């Protein structure tokens, strides 16, 4: 997703984009500069955008001495796009504010297609309204939902993702019944379920990829959904539907690999 966001930032007027990465060997686009995360203060950032795989990676960057130094010296807007746990989200707000930065908790949804087209949806909380925040988020989001408490964007995103994951898992369970029970009439059934009734929007967006078994180029990796489900389970407690869905995603990761597209959960090789 980060790769889809960067071109929109590069196109902002009067903006210099520096990528801080442990993994990249070269700057991904003309007009961008590459540096290692420990050099972030050298960039003298006005805005720092974070996108991390999990809580430990997020915490390691934001609480590192170089990043903390840049908060005190430049008072940047700090936008955390990652899906993180509510506990770390609250601690993150305290850390950023306590060292001079402006925290913007901002998990996003829309996966790679939304990032590429600049139409992500953002769930955000910030204690300070700043023009820099609006300028940057307007570059790659189409909708922004402002919450009123720190940690609530994280809580909502986890529930939102778990809800969507369970719907996708159920799509796979029932979609597999159609060819098994209808045989040569499967194309008729598939056309009905993807064009008629309230379920058609979901089925039309995901069933074709499942039919093609096209999981190699992910819009959203199965391992990331599994991580989000584990956080959702911590938040919501014992819900059988989350347990079933998490088990199905764990099986999808085992069957198709951690970076398979999350629609792999609907594949016949996944748990049902």
C-alpha atoms as a PDB file:
ATOM      1  CA  UNK A   1       0.000   0.000   0.000  1.00  0.00           C
ATOM      2  CA  UNK A   2       2.824   2.409   0.811  1.00  0.00           C
ATOM      3  CA  UNK A   3       4.090   2.159  -2.760  1.00  0.00           C
ATOM      4  CA  UNK A   4       0.721   3.390  -4.013  1.00  0.00           C
ATOM      5  CA  UNK A   5       0.699   6.377  -1.667  1.00  0.00           C
ATOM      6  CA  UNK A   6       4.156   7.727  -2.497  1.00  0.00           C
ATOM      7  CA  UNK A   7       3.348   9.060  -6.025  1.00  0.00           C
ATOM      8  CA  UNK A   8       0.507  11.155  -4.593  1.00  0.00           C
ATOM      9  CA  UNK A   9       2.889  12.697  -2.069  1.00  0.00           C
ATOM     10  CA  UNK A  10       5.501  13.390  -4.744  1.00  0.00           C
ATOM     11  CA  UNK A  11       2.885  15.308  -6.732  1.00  0.00           C
ATOM     12  CA  UNK A  12       2.145  17.698  -3.876  1.00  0.00           C
ATOM     13  CA  UNK A  13       3.542  21.177  -4.594  1.00  0.00           C
ATOM     14  CA  UNK A  14       6.512  22.424  -2.581  1.00  0.00           C
ATOM     15  CA  UNK A  15       7.030  18.966  -1.085  1.00  0.00           C
ATOM     16  CA  UNK A  16      10.199  16.933  -0.655  1.00  0.00           C
ATOM     17  CA  UNK A  17       9.607  13.215  -0.050  1.00  0.00           C
ATOM     18  CA  UNK A  18      12.188  11.133   1.805  1.00  0.00           C
ATOM     19  CA  UNK A  19      11.689   7.383   2.261  1.00  0.00           C
ATOM     20  CA  UNK A  20      13.127   5.872   5.448  1.00  0.00           C
ATOM     21  CA  UNK A  21      13.499   2.117   4.909  1.00  0.00           C
ATOM     22  CA  UNK A  22      15.625  -0.767   6.142  1.00  0.00           C
ATOM     23  CA  UNK A  23      14.899  -2.799   3.010  1.00  0.00           C
ATOM     24  CA  UNK A  24      14.948  -0.654  -0.129  1.00  0.00           C
ATOM     25  CA  UNK A  25      18.209  -0.473  -2.058  1.00  0.00           C
ATOM     26  CA  UNK A  26      17.258   2.616  -4.081  1.00  0.00           C
ATOM     27  CA  UNK A  27      14.702   5.415  -4.006  1.00  0.00           C
ATOM     28  CA  UNK A  28      11.467   4.049  -5.511  1.00  0.00           C
ATOM     29  CA  UNK A  29      10.580   7.093  -7.631  1.00  0.00           C
ATOM     30  CA  UNK A  30      12.285  10.080  -9.226  1.00  0.00           C
ATOM     31  CA  UNK A  31      11.997  13.025  -6.903  1.00  0.00           C
ATOM     32  CA  UNK A  32      12.305  10.910  -3.760  1.00  0.00           C
ATOM     33  CA  UNK A  33      15.301  10.383  -1.507  1.00  0.00           C
ATOM     34  CA  UNK A  34      16.144   7.178   0.340  1.00  0.00           C
ATOM     35  CA  UNK A  35      17.644   7.044   3.811  1.00  0.00           C
ATOM     36  CA  UNK A  36      17.770   4.616   6.708  1.00  0.00           C
ATOM     37  CA  UNK A  37      15.381   5.150   9.630  1.00  0.00           C
ATOM     38  CA  UNK A  38      18.197   6.109  11.999  1.00  0.00           C
ATOM     39  CA  UNK A  39      18.900   9.137   9.767  1.00  0.00           C
ATOM     40  CA  UNK A  40      15.348  10.504   9.890  1.00  0.00           C
ATOM     41  CA  UNK A  41      16.268  13.620  11.888  1.00  0.00           C
ATOM     42  CA  UNK A  42      18.668  14.635   9.126  1.00  0.00           C
ATOM     43  CA  UNK A  43      15.701  15.097   6.775  1.00  0.00           C
ATOM     44  CA  UNK A  44      14.254  17.799   9.085  1.00  0.00           C
ATOM     45  CA  UNK A  45      10.726  16.522   8.415  1.00  0.00           C
ATOM     46  CA  UNK A  46       7.590  18.630   8.653  1.00  0.00           C
ATOM     47  CA  UNK A  47       5.468  15.480   8.376  1.00  0.00           C
ATOM     48  CA  UNK A  48       6.409  11.893   9.243  1.00  0.00           C
ATOM     49  CA  UNK A  49       4.186   9.104   7.895  1.00  0.00           C
ATOM     50  CA  UNK A  50       4.511   5.627   9.376  1.00  0.00           C
ATOM     51  CA  UNK A  51       3.371   2.372   7.811  1.00  0.00           C
ATOM     52  CA  UNK A  52       4.443  -0.761   9.685  1.00  0.00           C
ATOM     53  CA  UNK A  53       3.663  -4.470   9.754  1.00  0.00           C
ATOM     54  CA  UNK A  54       2.923  -4.649  13.477  1.00  0.00           C
ATOM     55  CA  UNK A  55       3.192  -2.999  16.884  1.00  0.00           C
ATOM     56  CA  UNK A  56       6.863  -3.881  17.487  1.00  0.00           C
ATOM     57  CA  UNK A  57       7.977  -2.343  14.179  1.00  0.00           C
ATOM     58  CA  UNK A  58       5.893   0.768  14.812  1.00  0.00           C
ATOM     59  CA  UNK A  59       7.181   1.161  18.353  1.00  0.00           C
ATOM     60  CA  UNK A  60      10.795   0.585  17.320  1.00  0.00           C
ATOM     61  CA  UNK A  61      10.648   3.452  14.830  1.00  0.00           C
ATOM     62  CA  UNK A  62       8.644   6.025  16.751  1.00  0.00           C
ATOM     63  CA  UNK A  63      10.450   5.575  20.060  1.00  0.00           C
ATOM     64  CA  UNK A  64      13.952   5.369  18.606  1.00  0.00           C
ATOM     65  CA  UNK A  65      16.341   8.112  19.642  1.00  0.00           C
ATOM     66  CA  UNK A  66      16.670   9.609  16.111  1.00  0.00           C
ATOM     67  CA  UNK A  67      12.902   9.850  15.638  1.00  0.00           C
ATOM     68  CA  UNK A  68      12.356  11.209  19.136  1.00  0.00           C
ATOM     69  CA  UNK A  69      15.056  13.818  18.528  1.00  0.00           C
ATOM     70  CA  UNK A  70      13.294  14.955  15.352  1.00  0.00           C
ATOM     71  CA  UNK A  71      10.031  15.392  17.276  1.00  0.00           C
ATOM     72  CA  UNK A  72      11.654  17.799  19.686  1.00  0.00           C
ATOM     73  CA  UNK A  73      13.630  19.720  17.088  1.00  0.00           C
ATOM     74  CA  UNK A  74      11.071  20.047  14.261  1.00  0.00           C
ATOM     75  CA  UNK A  75       7.626  19.506  15.869  1.00  0.00           C
ATOM     76  CA  UNK A  76       6.382  17.465  12.895  1.00  0.00           C
ATOM     77  CA  UNK A  77       2.929  16.124  12.230  1.00  0.00           C
ATOM     78  CA  UNK A  78       3.205  12.358  12.812  1.00  0.00           C
ATOM     79  CA  UNK A  79       0.721  10.247  10.847  1.00  0.00           C
ATOM     80  CA  UNK A  80       0.540   6.572  11.825  1.00  0.00           C
ATOM     81  CA  UNK A  81      -1.229   4.653   9.047  1.00  0.00           C
ATOM     82  CA  UNK A  82      -0.626   1.190  10.480  1.00  0.00           C
ATOM     83  CA  UNK A  83      -3.315  -1.045  11.949  1.00  0.00           C
ATOM     84  CA  UNK A  84      -2.016  -1.246  15.518  1.00  0.00           C
ATOM     85  CA  UNK A  85      -3.397  -2.364  18.861  1.00  0.00           C
ATOM     86  CA  UNK A  86      -5.450   0.162  20.856  1.00  0.00           C
ATOM     87  CA  UNK A  87      -3.001  -0.063  23.742  1.00  0.00           C
ATOM     88  CA  UNK A  88      -0.039   0.895  21.609  1.00  0.00           C
ATOM     89  CA  UNK A  89      -2.126   3.586  19.875  1.00  0.00           C
ATOM     90  CA  UNK A  90      -2.753   5.295  23.210  1.00  0.00           C
ATOM     91  CA  UNK A  91       0.893   4.968  24.257  1.00  0.00           C
ATOM     92  CA  UNK A  92       1.926   6.299  20.841  1.00  0.00           C
ATOM     93  CA  UNK A  93      -0.187   9.434  21.290  1.00  0.00           C
ATOM     94  CA  UNK A  94       1.453  10.070  24.657  1.00  0.00           C
ATOM     95  CA  UNK A  95       4.940   9.540  23.238  1.00  0.00           C
ATOM     96  CA  UNK A  96       4.479  11.787  20.212  1.00  0.00           C
ATOM     97  CA  UNK A  97       2.764  14.591  22.128  1.00  0.00           C
ATOM     98  CA  UNK A  98       5.198  14.321  25.010  1.00  0.00           C
ATOM     99  CA  UNK A  99       8.192  14.892  22.741  1.00  0.00           C
ATOM    100  CA  UNK A 100       6.823  17.780  20.677  1.00  0.00           C
ATOM    101  CA  UNK A 101       5.115  16.125  17.713  1.00  0.00           C
ATOM    102  CA  UNK A 102       1.481  16.270  16.615  1.00  0.00           C
ATOM    103  CA  UNK A 103       0.008  12.743  16.626  1.00  0.00           C
ATOM    104  CA  UNK A 104      -2.454  11.721  13.917  1.00  0.00           C
ATOM    105  CA  UNK A 105      -3.686   8.177  14.516  1.00  0.00           C
ATOM    106  CA  UNK A 106      -4.911   7.236  11.057  1.00  0.00           C
ATOM    107  CA  UNK A 107      -5.428   3.602  10.032  1.00  0.00           C
ATOM    108  CA  UNK A 108      -6.704   3.397   6.472  1.00  0.00           C
ATOM    109  CA  UNK A 109      -8.719   0.974   4.394  1.00  0.00           C
ATOM    110  CA  UNK A 110      -8.899   0.411   0.666  1.00  0.00           C
ATOM    111  CA  UNK A 111      -5.813  -1.778   0.258  1.00  0.00           C
ATOM    112  CA  UNK A 112      -3.573  -1.414  -2.764  1.00  0.00           C
ATOM    113  CA  UNK A 113      -6.256  -0.292  -5.276  1.00  0.00           C
ATOM    114  CA  UNK A 114      -7.319   2.559  -3.003  1.00  0.00           C
ATOM    115  CA  UNK A 115      -3.730   3.631  -2.432  1.00  0.00           C
ATOM    116  CA  UNK A 116      -2.988   3.615  -6.158  1.00  0.00           C
ATOM    117  CA  UNK A 117      -6.023   5.725  -7.034  1.00  0.00           C
ATOM    118  CA  UNK A 118      -5.722   7.997  -3.998  1.00  0.00           C
ATOM    119  CA  UNK A 119      -9.144   6.954  -2.704  1.00  0.00           C
ATOM    120  CA  UNK A 120      -8.331   5.344   0.640  1.00  0.00           C
ATOM    121  CA  UNK A 121     -10.666   5.875   3.580  1.00  0.00           C
ATOM    122  CA  UNK A 122      -9.067   7.064   6.819  1.00  0.00           C
ATOM    123  CA  UNK A 123     -10.213   6.625  10.414  1.00  0.00           C
ATOM    124  CA  UNK A 124      -8.418   9.272  12.417  1.00  0.00           C
ATOM    125  CA  UNK A 125      -7.947  10.992  15.713  1.00  0.00           C
ATOM    126  CA  UNK A 126      -5.704  13.965  16.358  1.00  0.00           C
ATOM    127  CA  UNK A 127      -5.775  16.390  19.282  1.00  0.00           C
ATOM    128  CA  UNK A 128      -4.507  19.249  17.110  1.00  0.00           C
ATOM    129  CA  UNK A 129      -5.933  20.458  13.802  1.00  0.00           C
ATOM    130  CA  UNK A 130      -3.041  21.297  11.497  1.00  0.00           C
ATOM    131  CA  UNK A 131      -3.088  22.328   7.835  1.00  0.00           C
ATOM    132  CA  UNK A 132      -0.242  19.918   7.114  1.00  0.00           C
ATOM    133  CA  UNK A 133      -2.412  16.990   8.156  1.00  0.00           C
ATOM    134  CA  UNK A 134      -5.219  17.982   5.805  1.00  0.00           C
ATOM    135  CA  UNK A 135      -2.856  18.614   2.883  1.00  0.00           C
ATOM    136  CA  UNK A 136      -1.149  15.249   3.188  1.00  0.00           C
ATOM    137  CA  UNK A 137      -4.247  13.145   3.829  1.00  0.00           C
ATOM    138  CA  UNK A 138      -6.144  14.829   0.989  1.00  0.00           C
ATOM    139  CA  UNK A 139      -3.453  13.572  -1.384  1.00  0.00           C
ATOM    140  CA  UNK A 140      -4.318   9.893  -0.967  1.00  0.00           C
ATOM    141  CA  UNK A 141      -7.662   9.597   0.865  1.00  0.00           C
ATOM    142  CA  UNK A 142     -11.177  10.241  -0.407  1.00  0.00           C
ATOM    143  CA  UNK A 143     -13.009   9.929   2.906  1.00  0.00           C
ATOM    144  CA  UNK A 144     -11.835  10.821   6.414  1.00  0.00           C
ATOM    145  CA  UNK A 145     -13.791   9.834   9.514  1.00  0.00           C
ATOM    146  CA  UNK A 146     -12.755  11.820  12.588  1.00  0.00           C
ATOM    147  CA  UNK A 147     -13.047  10.044  15.943  1.00  0.00           C
ATOM    148  CA  UNK A 148     -12.980  11.853  19.283  1.00  0.00           C
ATOM    149  CA  UNK A 149     -10.774   9.627  21.465  1.00  0.00           C
ATOM    150  CA  UNK A 150      -7.238   8.286  21.064  1.00  0.00           C
ATOM    151  CA  UNK A 151      -7.266   4.579  20.314  1.00  0.00           C
ATOM    152  CA  UNK A 152     -10.773   4.594  18.845  1.00  0.00           C
ATOM    153  CA  UNK A 153      -9.562   4.563  15.221  1.00  0.00           C
ATOM    154  CA  UNK A 154      -7.511   1.471  16.115  1.00  0.00           C
ATOM    155  CA  UNK A 155     -10.477  -0.163  17.854  1.00  0.00           C
ATOM    156  CA  UNK A 156     -12.803   0.553  14.944  1.00  0.00           C
ATOM    157  CA  UNK A 157     -10.305  -0.646  12.322  1.00  0.00           C
ATOM    158  CA  UNK A 158      -9.843  -3.966  14.124  1.00  0.00           C
ATOM    159  CA  UNK A 159     -13.598  -4.548  14.360  1.00  0.00           C
ATOM    160  CA  UNK A 160     -14.027  -3.417  10.740  1.00  0.00           C
ATOM    161  CA  UNK A 161     -11.316  -5.768   9.496  1.00  0.00           C
ATOM    162  CA  UNK A 162     -12.561  -8.713  11.554  1.00  0.00           C
ATOM    163  CA  UNK A 163     -16.079  -8.157  10.272  1.00  0.00           C
ATOM    164  CA  UNK A 164     -14.890  -8.052   6.673  1.00  0.00           C
ATOM    165  CA  UNK A 165     -12.637 -11.071   7.141  1.00  0.00           C
ATOM    166  CA  UNK A 166     -15.519 -13.128   8.522  1.00  0.00           C
ATOM    167  CA  UNK A 167     -17.712 -12.151   5.562  1.00  0.00           C
ATOM    168  CA  UNK A 168     -14.945 -13.163   3.156  1.00  0.00           C
ATOM    169  CA  UNK A 169     -14.463 -16.484   4.946  1.00  0.00           C
ATOM    170  CA  UNK A 170     -18.200 -17.190   4.753  1.00  0.00           C
ATOM    171  CA  UNK A 171     -18.179 -16.304   1.045  1.00  0.00           C
ATOM    172  CA  UNK A 172     -15.637 -19.059   0.515  1.00  0.00           C
ATOM    173  CA  UNK A 173     -17.533 -21.611   2.578  1.00  0.00           C
ATOM    174  CA  UNK A 174     -20.781 -21.125   0.667  1.00  0.00           C
ATOM    175  CA  UNK A 175     -19.284 -20.424  -2.760  1.00  0.00           C
ATOM    176  CA  UNK A 176     -17.677 -23.865  -2.618  1.00  0.00           C
ATOM    177  CA  UNK A 177     -21.121 -25.415  -2.204  1.00  0.00           C
ATOM    178  CA  UNK A 178     -22.407 -24.079  -5.515  1.00  0.00           C
ATOM    179  CA  UNK A 179     -20.358 -26.183  -7.966  1.00  0.00           C
ATOM    180  CA  UNK A 180     -20.494 -29.153  -5.620  1.00  0.00           C
ATOM    181  CA  UNK A 181     -24.297 -29.196  -5.575  1.00  0.00           C
ATOM    182  CA  UNK A 182     -25.261 -27.527  -8.869  1.00  0.00           C
ATOM    183  CA  UNK A 183     -22.702 -28.964 -11.271  1.00  0.00           C
ATOM    184  CA  UNK A 184     -23.131 -27.563 -14.775  1.00  0.00           C
ATOM    185  CA  UNK A 185     -25.536 -24.922 -13.451  1.00  0.00           C
ATOM    186  CA  UNK A 186     -22.754 -23.257 -11.460  1.00  0.00           C
ATOM    187  CA  UNK A 187     -22.298 -20.381 -13.994  1.00  0.00           C
ATOM    188  CA  UNK A 188     -25.981 -19.494 -13.612  1.00  0.00           C
ATOM    189  CA  UNK A 189     -25.673 -19.493  -9.832  1.00  0.00           C
ATOM    190  CA  UNK A 190     -22.479 -17.434  -9.949  1.00  0.00           C
ATOM    191  CA  UNK A 191     -24.157 -14.854 -12.186  1.00  0.00           C
ATOM    192  CA  UNK A 192     -27.107 -14.627  -9.795  1.00  0.00           C
ATOM    193  CA  UNK A 193     -25.021 -14.225  -6.659  1.00  0.00           C
ATOM    194  CA  UNK A 194     -22.782 -11.575  -8.238  1.00  0.00           C
ATOM    195  CA  UNK A 195     -25.577  -9.465  -9.777  1.00  0.00           C
ATOM    196  CA  UNK A 196     -28.702  -9.801  -7.645  1.00  0.00           C
ATOM    197  CA  UNK A 197     -29.518  -8.979  -4.028  1.00  0.00           C
ATOM    198  CA  UNK A 198     -27.591  -7.244  -1.263  1.00  0.00           C
ATOM    199  CA  UNK A 199     -24.781  -9.825  -1.292  1.00  0.00           C
ATOM    200  CA  UNK A 200     -23.958  -9.152  -4.926  1.00  0.00           C
ATOM    201  CA  UNK A 201     -21.559  -6.273  -4.225  1.00  0.00           C
ATOM    202  CA  UNK A 202     -19.389  -8.482  -2.021  1.00  0.00           C
ATOM    203  CA  UNK A 203     -19.589 -11.526  -4.265  1.00  0.00           C
ATOM    204  CA  UNK A 204     -18.871  -9.549  -7.431  1.00  0.00           C
ATOM    205  CA  UNK A 205     -15.771  -7.965  -5.918  1.00  0.00           C
ATOM    206  CA  UNK A 206     -14.213 -11.181  -4.587  1.00  0.00           C
ATOM    207  CA  UNK A 207     -15.660 -14.282  -6.258  1.00  0.00           C
ATOM    208  CA  UNK A 208     -13.911 -13.802  -9.642  1.00  0.00           C
ATOM    209  CA  UNK A 209     -10.490 -13.771  -7.961  1.00  0.00           C
ATOM    210  CA  UNK A 210     -11.378 -16.913  -6.022  1.00  0.00           C
ATOM    211  CA  UNK A 211     -12.531 -18.619  -9.225  1.00  0.00           C
ATOM    212  CA  UNK A 212      -9.189 -17.759 -10.872  1.00  0.00           C
ATOM    213  CA  UNK A 213      -7.249 -18.800  -7.734  1.00  0.00           C
ATOM    214  CA  UNK A 214      -5.366 -15.552  -8.280  1.00  0.00           C
ATOM    215  CA  UNK A 215      -3.589 -14.936  -4.986  1.00  0.00           C
ATOM    216  CA  UNK A 216       0.010 -14.259  -6.016  1.00  0.00           C
ATOM    217  CA  UNK A 217      -0.125 -10.456  -6.360  1.00  0.00           C
ATOM    218  CA  UNK A 218      -1.816  -9.336  -3.146  1.00  0.00           C
ATOM    219  CA  UNK A 219      -3.983  -6.294  -2.630  1.00  0.00           C
ATOM    220  CA  UNK A 220      -3.816  -7.166   1.081  1.00  0.00           C
ATOM    221  CA  UNK A 221      -1.645  -9.988   2.406  1.00  0.00           C
ATOM    222  CA  UNK A 222      -3.225 -12.861   4.319  1.00  0.00           C
ATOM    223  CA  UNK A 223      -0.616 -12.579   7.080  1.00  0.00           C
ATOM    224  CA  UNK A 224      -1.640  -8.983   7.774  1.00  0.00           C
ATOM    225  CA  UNK A 225      -5.288  -9.977   8.105  1.00  0.00           C
ATOM    226  CA  UNK A 226      -4.313 -12.782  10.475  1.00  0.00           C
ATOM    227  CA  UNK A 227      -2.399 -10.281  12.629  1.00  0.00           C
ATOM    228  CA  UNK A 228      -5.397  -7.942  12.672  1.00  0.00           C
ATOM    229  CA  UNK A 229      -7.699 -10.805  13.674  1.00  0.00           C
ATOM    230  CA  UNK A 230      -5.426 -11.657  16.581  1.00  0.00           C
ATOM    231  CA  UNK A 231      -5.592  -8.035  17.768  1.00  0.00           C
ATOM    232  CA  UNK A 232      -9.381  -8.073  17.299  1.00  0.00           C
ATOM    233  CA  UNK A 233      -9.619 -11.207  19.420  1.00  0.00           C
ATOM    234  CA  UNK A 234      -7.654  -9.454  22.171  1.00  0.00           C
ATOM    235  CA  UNK A 235     -10.038  -6.491  21.940  1.00  0.00           C
ATOM    236  CA  UNK A 236     -13.360  -8.314  21.691  1.00  0.00           C
ATOM    237  CA  UNK A 237     -12.749 -11.436  23.726  1.00  0.00           C
ATOM    238  CA  UNK A 238     -14.137 -14.873  22.948  1.00  0.00           C
ATOM    239  CA  UNK A 239     -16.278 -14.655  19.822  1.00  0.00           C
ATOM    240  CA  UNK A 240     -16.679 -17.974  17.989  1.00  0.00           C
ATOM    241  CA  UNK A 241     -16.930 -16.250  14.603  1.00  0.00           C
ATOM    242  CA  UNK A 242     -13.536 -14.574  15.075  1.00  0.00           C
ATOM    243  CA  UNK A 243     -12.012 -17.878  16.161  1.00  0.00           C
ATOM    244  CA  UNK A 244     -13.343 -19.634  13.053  1.00  0.00           C
ATOM    245  CA  UNK A 245     -12.162 -16.826  10.793  1.00  0.00           C
ATOM    246  CA  UNK A 246      -8.713 -16.603  12.381  1.00  0.00           C
ATOM    247  CA  UNK A 247      -8.282 -20.372  12.035  1.00  0.00           C
ATOM    248  CA  UNK A 248      -9.280 -20.136   8.370  1.00  0.00           C
ATOM    249  CA  UNK A 249      -6.743 -17.376   7.717  1.00  0.00           C
ATOM    250  CA  UNK A 250      -4.036 -19.326   9.531  1.00  0.00           C
ATOM    251  CA  UNK A 251      -4.799 -22.228   7.196  1.00  0.00           C
ATOM    252  CA  UNK A 252      -4.731 -19.907   4.171  1.00  0.00           C
ATOM    253  CA  UNK A 253      -1.274 -18.681   5.207  1.00  0.00           C
ATOM    254  CA  UNK A 254      -0.122 -22.290   5.600  1.00  0.00           C
ATOM    255  CA  UNK A 255      -1.593 -23.341   2.235  1.00  0.00           C
ATOM    256  CA  UNK A 256      -0.760 -20.314   0.091  1.00  0.00           C
ATOM    257  CA  UNK A 257       1.993 -18.455   1.935  1.00  0.00           C
ATOM    258  CA  UNK A 258       1.978 -15.346   4.131  1.00  0.00           C
ATOM    259  CA  UNK A 259       1.918 -12.912   1.215  1.00  0.00           C
ATOM    260  CA  UNK A 260      -0.972 -14.510  -0.655  1.00  0.00           C
ATOM    261  CA  UNK A 261      -3.890 -12.173  -1.247  1.00  0.00           C
ATOM    262  CA  UNK A 262      -6.384 -12.367   1.592  1.00  0.00           C
ATOM    263  CA  UNK A 263      -9.035 -13.808  -0.742  1.00  0.00           C
ATOM    264  CA  UNK A 264      -7.046 -17.053  -0.487  1.00  0.00           C
ATOM    265  CA  UNK A 265      -9.076 -17.740   2.659  1.00  0.00           C
ATOM    266  CA  UNK A 266     -11.968 -18.621   0.337  1.00  0.00           C
ATOM    267  CA  UNK A 267      -9.950 -21.215  -1.583  1.00  0.00           C
ATOM    268  CA  UNK A 268     -10.815 -24.889  -1.367  1.00  0.00           C
ATOM    269  CA  UNK A 269      -7.470 -25.574   0.278  1.00  0.00           C
ATOM    270  CA  UNK A 270      -8.397 -23.373   3.244  1.00  0.00           C
ATOM    271  CA  UNK A 271     -10.191 -24.465   6.360  1.00  0.00           C
ATOM    272  CA  UNK A 272     -13.989 -24.316   6.265  1.00  0.00           C
END
